[in-house]
Amino acid sequence: MLTTIIYRSHICDNVPVKTLEEMVDAANNKNGYADVTGILLFNGTHFFQLLEGPEESVLTIYRHICEDVRHYNVVELLRDYAPARRFGKAGMELFDLREHDSNQVLQTVLDKGTSKYQLTYDDRALQFFRTFVEAREKENYFEIPEADSWDFVADDSAVAPVTTPSGHCSFAFQPIIDPLAQEVVSLEALLRTPDGDSPQAWFAGLAAEDVYDADLKSKSVAFAMAAALDLGKQSLSVNLLPMTLVKIPGAVAFLVEEIHKNGLVPDQIIVEFTEQEIISRLEEFTGAIRQLKAAGIRVAIDHFGAGFAGLSLLARFQPERIKINRELIEDVHKSGPRQAIILGIIKSCTSLEISVCAVGVEKPEEWMWLESAGISLFQGHLFARPAFAGIPAVAWPEKRSGF
């Protein structure tokens, strides 16, 4: 299958630019043998390259490119398939944008194309060339340092586990933090079985008609455990299935009563709704959201970008916070499509005064890219794993000397 990959990267400071021709000569031979076309653009700082050819050959060459220590911040912009080659000649060709007029370079590249339509029908791969040559996206090139430039040092803030109240469920607690400010913004209560198993295991043991009632009543356990952990004025996030608000009469009143019963106040509670469940009675759900806010309880959308109604919910009501789904966060520092989507989310939420939290952050590079993009709230194993019935220590990032 004919495969196209386009990526951009940043040349390392210790690589002499004069070695580019040697690099291209070596790649020309390698690509020619593998029947892969390489069109490489260089602007003095960034590489931009199209690879085109048989899928297995392209993927093999791209893996080697990602491991090449002469560049960093390799971001894949496109991986696509086509019925015919855009460029006919296998090998590698370099276009140094510093030596030529940008319009001239673009036209020279297009003239080498095999498609008689070129940009007439908005070929995505060729549009990427135009965007790079015209430098229309440079403000989004976040040049993050190496992962080992940071240490993550645990503090002494852990709180020992408390006794779980009698009932059929328990909770683990995980901090939501601002890493650079070294501030715990809130704690999330994550549903568990009494033995510490996953929420899926807990829900699996319930009859279908009992799920929503049990979901609501489990929050009384969360509030009681939070009180036992002596949260003080710390904010607490709890998860609720969207349809629980619709199917259980008086759900909001129940939550408010349980909050007060455990010595908490509505203003410190954030109710997170996952958008992974279909909301079949949207008007009733929206009405219940209004009741929550009227009671002083804040609202967040969890797993944003992974479900059925994210943008629709943003249009209907504005939550105080959204939490971007892990599938968008994973390896975001290497993925152009993920970066573009997250930048779009950030821009929309900034306009609506909605805070954005990145969830499931596991790698320093993910955190560094997201921080550079404008996100300041994070939750994930990189900083703290959930602690069953207790509060974990937080590993704060500290810059290593020499970086």
Protein backbone atom coordinates (compact mmCIF):
# COMPACT_ATOMS: atom_id res chain seq x y z
CA MET A 1 0.00 0.00 0.00
CA LEU A 2 1.33 3.44 -0.93
CA THR A 3 1.92 5.40 2.27
CA THR A 4 2.81 9.03 2.94
CA ILE A 5 4.29 10.37 6.18
CA ILE A 6 5.05 14.05 6.78
CA TYR A 7 6.93 15.23 9.85
CA ARG A 8 8.74 18.27 11.16
CA SER A 9 11.65 18.43 13.59
CA HIS A 10 14.29 20.75 15.06
CA ILE A 11 17.98 20.45 14.19
CA CYS A 12 20.27 20.01 17.21
CA ASP A 13 22.50 22.95 18.05
CA ASN A 14 25.66 20.82 17.84
CA VAL A 15 24.98 19.66 14.26
CA PRO A 16 26.84 21.76 11.65
CA VAL A 17 24.50 22.84 8.89
CA LYS A 18 27.23 22.06 6.34
CA THR A 19 26.73 18.34 7.08
CA LEU A 20 23.22 18.51 5.57
CA GLU A 21 24.46 17.54 2.12
CA GLU A 22 26.18 14.45 3.54
CA MET A 23 22.97 13.51 5.37
CA VAL A 24 20.93 13.93 2.20
CA ASP A 25 23.40 11.89 0.10
CA ALA A 26 23.20 9.00 2.56
CA ALA A 27 19.41 9.22 2.70
CA ASN A 28 19.21 9.41 -1.11
CA ASN A 29 20.95 6.06 -1.42
CA LYS A 30 18.92 4.47 1.36
CA ASN A 31 15.59 5.75 0.05
CA GLY A 32 16.39 4.80 -3.53
CA TYR A 33 17.10 1.22 -2.48
CA ALA A 34 13.80 1.10 -0.53
CA ASP A 35 11.78 2.76 -3.35
CA VAL A 36 10.90 5.67 -1.03
CA THR A 37 10.66 9.32 -2.08
CA GLY A 38 11.99 11.93 0.31
CA ILE A 39 11.34 15.66 -0.13
CA LEU A 40 13.19 17.57 2.62
CA LEU A 41 12.78 21.29 3.37
CA PHE A 42 15.05 23.15 5.80
CA ASN A 43 14.67 26.72 7.05
CA GLY A 44 17.81 26.93 9.17
CA THR A 45 16.09 25.61 12.29
CA HIS A 46 13.38 23.15 11.33
CA PHE A 47 13.25 20.18 9.02
CA PHE A 48 10.07 19.35 7.14
CA GLN A 49 9.99 16.11 5.20
CA LEU A 50 7.63 14.05 3.11
CA LEU A 51 8.27 10.31 2.82
CA GLU A 52 6.30 8.39 0.21
CA GLY A 53 6.44 4.79 -0.90
CA PRO A 54 5.57 1.20 0.10
CA GLU A 55 4.14 1.19 3.62
CA GLU A 56 6.66 -1.16 5.22
CA SER A 57 9.62 0.70 3.72
CA VAL A 58 8.28 4.12 4.73
CA LEU A 59 7.59 3.01 8.30
CA THR A 60 11.04 1.45 8.64
CA ILE A 61 12.78 4.60 7.43
CA TYR A 62 10.61 6.80 9.64
CA ARG A 63 11.46 4.74 12.73
CA HIS A 64 15.16 5.31 12.03
CA ILE A 65 14.51 9.04 11.52
CA CYS A 66 12.77 9.29 14.91
CA GLU A 67 15.83 7.73 16.57
CA ASP A 68 18.34 10.04 14.82
CA VAL A 69 20.12 12.14 17.48
CA ARG A 70 20.85 14.97 15.04
CA HIS A 71 17.37 16.38 15.49
CA TYR A 72 14.69 16.47 18.18
CA ASN A 73 11.02 17.36 18.70
CA VAL A 74 10.01 15.08 15.84
CA VAL A 75 6.29 15.72 15.24
CA GLU A 76 4.30 13.57 12.83
CA LEU A 77 1.92 15.80 10.88
CA LEU A 78 0.34 13.36 8.46
CA ARG A 79 0.13 9.64 7.86
CA ASP A 80 -2.01 8.93 4.82
CA TYR A 81 -2.60 6.62 1.87
CA ALA A 82 -3.01 7.39 -1.82
CA PRO A 83 -3.69 5.60 -5.14
CA ALA A 84 -0.58 7.07 -6.80
CA ARG A 85 2.65 8.83 -5.94
CA ARG A 86 2.70 12.58 -5.57
CA PHE A 87 6.38 12.54 -6.51
CA GLY A 88 7.83 10.16 -9.02
CA LYS A 89 11.51 9.86 -8.15
CA ALA A 90 12.69 7.61 -5.30
CA GLY A 91 15.55 8.97 -3.23
CA MET A 92 15.99 12.22 -1.31
CA GLU A 93 16.00 15.85 -2.38
CA LEU A 94 16.80 18.86 -0.21
CA PHE A 95 15.37 22.37 -0.55
CA ASP A 96 17.12 24.96 1.64
CA LEU A 97 14.63 27.78 2.17
CA ARG A 98 17.40 30.16 3.22
CA GLU A 99 18.87 30.15 -0.24
CA HIS A 100 15.75 30.70 -2.33
CA ASP A 101 12.58 32.77 -2.47
CA SER A 102 9.80 30.88 -0.67
CA ASN A 103 7.37 31.12 -3.60
CA GLN A 104 10.06 29.83 -5.91
CA VAL A 105 10.78 26.87 -3.64
CA LEU A 106 7.10 25.97 -3.38
CA GLN A 107 6.62 26.09 -7.13
CA THR A 108 9.79 24.02 -7.69
CA VAL A 109 8.48 21.36 -5.31
CA LEU A 110 5.07 21.34 -6.99
CA ASP A 111 6.66 21.12 -10.42
CA LYS A 112 8.30 17.87 -9.36
CA GLY A 113 4.91 16.42 -8.51
CA THR A 114 3.26 13.74 -10.58
CA SER A 115 -0.29 14.97 -9.92
CA LYS A 116 -1.58 17.09 -12.78
CA TYR A 117 -4.09 18.63 -10.36
CA GLN A 118 -1.47 19.73 -7.79
CA LEU A 119 -3.34 22.04 -5.39
CA THR A 120 -6.50 22.31 -7.49
CA TYR A 121 -8.32 19.80 -5.32
CA ASP A 122 -6.67 20.71 -2.02
CA ASP A 123 -4.32 17.77 -1.67
CA ARG A 124 -3.50 17.72 2.06
CA ALA A 125 0.13 16.70 1.68
CA LEU A 126 0.86 19.53 -0.74
CA GLN A 127 -1.01 21.98 1.48
CA PHE A 128 1.40 21.06 4.30
CA PHE A 129 4.27 22.15 2.07
CA ARG A 130 2.65 25.52 1.49
CA THR A 131 2.00 26.06 5.22
CA PHE A 132 5.61 25.25 6.13
CA VAL A 133 7.16 27.35 3.37
CA GLU A 134 4.99 30.33 4.28
CA ALA A 135 5.77 29.81 8.00
CA ARG A 136 2.11 30.08 8.93
CA GLU A 137 2.30 27.79 11.98
CA LYS A 138 5.60 28.68 13.64
CA GLU A 139 3.89 30.04 16.75
CA ASN A 140 2.75 26.47 17.49
CA TYR A 141 6.26 24.96 17.32
CA PHE A 142 6.87 24.39 21.02
CA GLU A 143 10.52 23.42 21.38
CA ILE A 144 10.48 21.31 24.53
CA PRO A 145 13.71 20.21 26.24
CA GLU A 146 14.83 16.61 26.67
CA ALA A 147 12.84 14.46 29.11
CA ASP A 148 15.85 14.00 31.40
CA SER A 149 16.17 17.74 31.95
CA TRP A 150 13.70 17.43 34.85
CA ASP A 151 13.68 15.46 38.09
CA PHE A 152 10.38 14.64 39.77
CA VAL A 153 10.81 14.84 43.54
CA ALA A 154 8.11 13.57 45.89
CA ASP A 155 7.07 15.82 48.78
CA ASP A 156 5.88 14.77 52.24
CA SER A 157 2.20 15.58 51.71
CA ALA A 158 0.91 12.00 51.72
CA VAL A 159 -1.99 11.27 54.09
CA ALA A 160 -2.36 7.75 55.47
CA PRO A 161 -5.45 5.75 54.46
CA VAL A 162 -8.62 6.18 56.48
CA THR A 163 -11.22 3.57 57.31
CA THR A 164 -13.80 3.18 54.56
CA PRO A 165 -17.38 3.80 55.80
CA SER A 166 -19.65 0.80 55.75
CA GLY A 167 -21.05 0.31 52.29
CA HIS A 168 -20.39 -1.43 49.02
CA CYS A 169 -17.75 0.91 47.61
CA SER A 170 -14.65 2.89 48.45
CA PHE A 171 -12.53 5.60 46.84
CA ALA A 172 -8.98 6.39 45.87
CA PHE A 173 -7.79 10.00 45.81
CA GLN A 174 -5.54 11.64 43.22
CA PRO A 175 -4.35 15.27 43.15
CA ILE A 176 -4.96 17.71 40.31
CA ILE A 177 -1.97 20.04 40.36
CA ASP A 178 -0.30 23.10 38.90
CA PRO A 179 3.27 21.72 38.57
CA LEU A 180 5.17 24.97 38.08
CA ALA A 181 3.31 26.77 40.87
CA GLN A 182 3.70 23.61 43.02
CA GLU A 183 0.07 23.86 44.05
CA VAL A 184 -2.53 21.13 44.58
CA VAL A 185 -5.62 22.63 42.96
CA SER A 186 -8.06 19.88 43.93
CA LEU A 187 -8.35 16.19 44.75
CA GLU A 188 -10.40 13.74 42.72
CA ALA A 189 -12.26 10.93 44.45
CA LEU A 190 -12.05 7.88 42.18
CA LEU A 191 -14.61 5.11 42.70
CA ARG A 192 -13.27 1.71 43.77
CA THR A 193 -14.61 -1.57 45.10
CA PRO A 194 -14.03 -2.20 48.83
CA ASP A 195 -10.93 -4.17 47.80
CA GLY A 196 -9.59 -1.32 45.67
CA ASP A 197 -10.63 -2.69 42.28
CA SER A 198 -11.70 -0.49 39.35
CA PRO A 199 -15.04 1.34 38.95
CA GLN A 200 -15.82 -0.99 36.06
CA ALA A 201 -15.63 -3.94 38.48
CA TRP A 202 -17.90 -2.14 40.93
CA PHE A 203 -20.54 -1.28 38.32
CA ALA A 204 -20.34 -4.81 36.86
CA GLY A 205 -21.73 -6.18 40.10
CA LEU A 206 -24.89 -4.10 39.88
CA ALA A 207 -28.16 -4.79 38.11
CA ALA A 208 -28.83 -2.37 35.22
CA GLU A 209 -31.74 -0.70 37.02
CA ASP A 210 -29.61 -0.09 40.13
CA VAL A 211 -26.62 1.60 38.48
CA TYR A 212 -27.77 5.21 38.70
CA ASP A 213 -29.10 5.01 42.24
CA ALA A 214 -25.87 3.37 43.40
CA ASP A 215 -23.80 5.93 41.49
CA LEU A 216 -25.51 8.78 43.33
CA LYS A 217 -25.40 7.18 46.79
CA SER A 218 -21.72 6.33 46.42
CA LYS A 219 -20.98 10.05 46.68
CA SER A 220 -21.97 9.99 50.35
CA VAL A 221 -19.03 7.60 50.86
CA ALA A 222 -16.73 9.92 48.93
CA PHE A 223 -17.75 12.93 51.03
CA ALA A 224 -17.38 10.98 54.29
CA MET A 225 -13.89 9.77 53.32
CA ALA A 226 -12.89 13.28 52.25
CA ALA A 227 -14.01 14.60 55.64
CA ALA A 228 -12.04 11.86 57.41
CA LEU A 229 -8.95 12.84 55.40
CA ASP A 230 -9.39 16.38 56.74
CA LEU A 231 -9.50 18.20 53.40
CA GLY A 232 -10.00 21.58 55.04
CA LYS A 233 -10.67 24.10 52.26
CA GLN A 234 -9.26 21.85 49.53
CA SER A 235 -11.56 21.38 46.51
CA LEU A 236 -12.90 17.89 45.87
CA SER A 237 -13.93 16.44 42.50
CA VAL A 238 -16.38 13.53 42.27
CA ASN A 239 -17.58 11.71 39.15
CA LEU A 240 -21.23 11.26 38.27
CA LEU A 241 -22.86 9.53 35.32
CA PRO A 242 -24.80 12.18 33.36
CA MET A 243 -28.02 10.18 33.35
CA THR A 244 -27.91 9.85 37.14
CA LEU A 245 -29.09 13.45 37.34
CA VAL A 246 -31.93 12.67 34.96
CA LYS A 247 -33.12 9.29 36.24
CA ILE A 248 -32.88 9.81 40.00
CA PRO A 249 -35.45 12.33 41.34
CA GLY A 250 -33.98 14.81 43.81
CA ALA A 251 -30.38 13.95 42.90
CA VAL A 252 -29.12 17.50 43.37
CA ALA A 253 -30.85 17.87 46.74
CA PHE A 254 -29.31 14.56 47.86
CA LEU A 255 -25.81 15.75 46.93
CA VAL A 256 -26.24 19.06 48.74
CA GLU A 257 -27.52 17.31 51.88
CA GLU A 258 -24.60 14.84 51.91
CA ILE A 259 -22.09 17.64 51.39
CA HIS A 260 -23.38 19.54 54.44
CA LYS A 261 -23.75 16.35 56.51
CA ASN A 262 -20.00 15.73 56.17
CA GLY A 263 -18.91 19.22 57.08
CA LEU A 264 -18.11 20.29 53.52
CA VAL A 265 -19.53 23.21 51.56
CA PRO A 266 -21.02 23.10 48.04
CA ASP A 267 -18.50 25.65 46.74
CA GLN A 268 -15.59 23.24 47.27
CA ILE A 269 -17.23 20.41 45.30
CA ILE A 270 -16.75 19.86 41.58
CA VAL A 271 -19.00 17.30 39.91
CA GLU A 272 -17.38 15.76 36.84
CA PHE A 273 -19.51 14.27 34.08
CA THR A 274 -18.03 11.91 31.54
CA GLU A 275 -19.16 12.48 27.96
CA GLN A 276 -18.71 8.78 27.22
CA GLU A 277 -22.34 8.06 28.15
CA ILE A 278 -25.10 9.05 25.73
CA ILE A 279 -27.33 11.71 27.28
CA SER A 280 -30.75 10.79 25.96
CA ARG A 281 -32.75 13.53 27.74
CA LEU A 282 -30.57 16.55 27.16
CA GLU A 283 -33.09 19.20 28.27
CA GLU A 284 -33.59 17.51 31.63
CA PHE A 285 -29.85 17.07 32.05
CA THR A 286 -29.20 20.73 31.27
CA GLY A 287 -31.87 21.71 33.81
CA ALA A 288 -30.18 19.58 36.47
CA ILE A 289 -26.85 21.28 35.69
CA ARG A 290 -28.51 24.61 36.37
CA GLN A 291 -29.70 23.29 39.74
CA LEU A 292 -26.18 22.15 40.63
CA LYS A 293 -24.74 25.56 39.79
CA ALA A 294 -27.53 27.34 41.64
CA ALA A 295 -26.60 25.30 44.72
CA GLY A 296 -22.98 26.48 44.43
CA ILE A 297 -21.54 23.22 43.08
CA ARG A 298 -19.09 23.57 40.21
CA VAL A 299 -19.24 21.40 37.09
CA ALA A 300 -16.59 19.79 34.89
CA ILE A 301 -16.62 17.59 31.79
CA ASP A 302 -14.34 14.57 32.08
CA HIS A 303 -12.84 12.61 29.16
CA PHE A 304 -13.47 15.59 26.88
CA GLY A 305 -12.86 14.66 23.25
CA ALA A 306 -13.63 10.97 23.66
CA GLY A 307 -17.39 10.83 23.76
CA PHE A 308 -20.69 11.78 22.26
CA ALA A 309 -21.53 15.34 23.22
CA GLY A 310 -18.45 17.37 24.15
CA LEU A 311 -18.92 20.38 21.87
CA SER A 312 -22.69 20.22 22.22
CA LEU A 313 -22.38 20.38 26.02
CA LEU A 314 -20.03 23.35 25.77
CA ALA A 315 -22.65 25.15 23.69
CA ARG A 316 -25.47 24.35 26.12
CA PHE A 317 -23.68 25.18 29.36
CA GLN A 318 -20.17 26.24 30.23
CA PRO A 319 -18.50 24.05 32.85
CA GLU A 320 -15.86 25.52 35.12
CA ARG A 321 -13.35 22.94 33.88
CA ILE A 322 -12.82 20.38 31.15
CA LYS A 323 -10.43 17.45 31.39
CA ILE A 324 -8.89 16.39 28.10
CA ASN A 325 -9.09 12.67 27.45
CA ARG A 326 -5.97 10.53 27.78
CA GLU A 327 -6.22 9.35 24.17
CA LEU A 328 -5.50 12.92 23.03
CA ILE A 329 -2.78 13.42 25.66
CA GLU A 330 -0.78 10.27 24.87
CA ASP A 331 2.45 11.16 23.02
CA VAL A 332 1.05 14.58 22.12
CA HIS A 333 4.63 15.88 21.78
CA LYS A 334 5.02 13.63 18.71
CA SER A 335 1.59 14.01 17.09
CA GLY A 336 0.62 16.94 14.89
CA PRO A 337 -3.09 16.01 14.78
CA ARG A 338 -3.31 15.72 18.58
CA GLN A 339 -1.50 19.03 18.97
CA ALA A 340 -3.87 20.78 16.57
CA ILE A 341 -6.96 19.41 18.35
CA ILE A 342 -5.69 20.36 21.81
CA LEU A 343 -4.72 23.85 20.67
CA GLY A 344 -8.26 24.23 19.31
CA ILE A 345 -9.73 23.09 22.65
CA ILE A 346 -7.51 25.51 24.56
CA LYS A 347 -8.49 28.42 22.31
CA SER A 348 -12.22 27.70 22.68
CA CYS A 349 -12.00 27.30 26.44
CA THR A 350 -9.90 30.44 26.84
CA SER A 351 -12.63 32.40 25.07
CA LEU A 352 -15.23 30.88 27.41
CA GLU A 353 -13.12 31.31 30.61
CA ILE A 354 -13.08 27.53 31.16
CA SER A 355 -9.99 26.03 32.77
CA VAL A 356 -8.37 23.07 31.00
CA CYS A 357 -6.84 20.07 32.74
CA ALA A 358 -4.72 17.38 31.07
CA VAL A 359 -5.48 13.92 32.46
CA GLY A 360 -3.43 10.74 32.37
CA VAL A 361 -0.08 12.49 31.94
CA GLU A 362 2.65 9.87 32.20
CA LYS A 363 5.68 11.26 30.34
CA PRO A 364 7.73 14.42 30.98
CA GLU A 365 7.54 15.29 27.28
CA GLU A 366 3.72 15.20 27.36
CA TRP A 367 3.67 17.57 30.32
CA MET A 368 6.26 19.92 28.79
CA TRP A 369 4.42 20.24 25.48
CA LEU A 370 1.05 20.78 27.17
CA GLU A 371 2.52 23.35 29.56
CA SER A 372 4.06 25.17 26.58
CA ALA A 373 0.69 25.14 24.83
CA GLY A 374 -0.93 26.94 27.76
CA ILE A 375 -2.29 24.22 30.08
CA SER A 376 -1.42 24.61 33.75
CA LEU A 377 -3.57 21.91 35.42
CA PHE A 378 -2.40 18.29 35.32
CA GLN A 379 -3.37 14.91 36.68
CA GLY A 380 -1.49 11.70 36.07
CA HIS A 381 1.00 9.09 37.20
CA LEU A 382 3.92 11.36 36.30
CA PHE A 383 3.04 13.46 39.37
CA ALA A 384 1.01 11.17 41.66
CA ARG A 385 -0.77 7.84 41.41
CA PRO A 386 -4.17 7.45 43.09
CA ALA A 387 -3.91 6.38 46.72
CA PHE A 388 -6.56 3.95 47.93
CA ALA A 389 -8.46 5.55 50.84
CA GLY A 390 -5.63 8.06 51.30
CA ILE A 391 -3.85 10.98 49.65
CA PRO A 392 -0.57 10.36 47.79
CA ALA A 393 2.60 12.43 47.88
CA VAL A 394 3.13 14.65 44.84
CA ALA A 395 6.29 14.45 42.71
CA TRP A 396 7.04 18.04 41.71
CA PRO A 397 9.24 18.80 38.67
CA GLU A 398 12.64 20.31 39.41
CA LYS A 399 14.94 21.47 36.62
CA ARG A 400 18.31 19.71 36.58
CA SER A 401 21.40 21.86 36.76
CA GLY A 402 22.94 22.39 33.35
CA PHE A 403 19.60 22.48 31.51
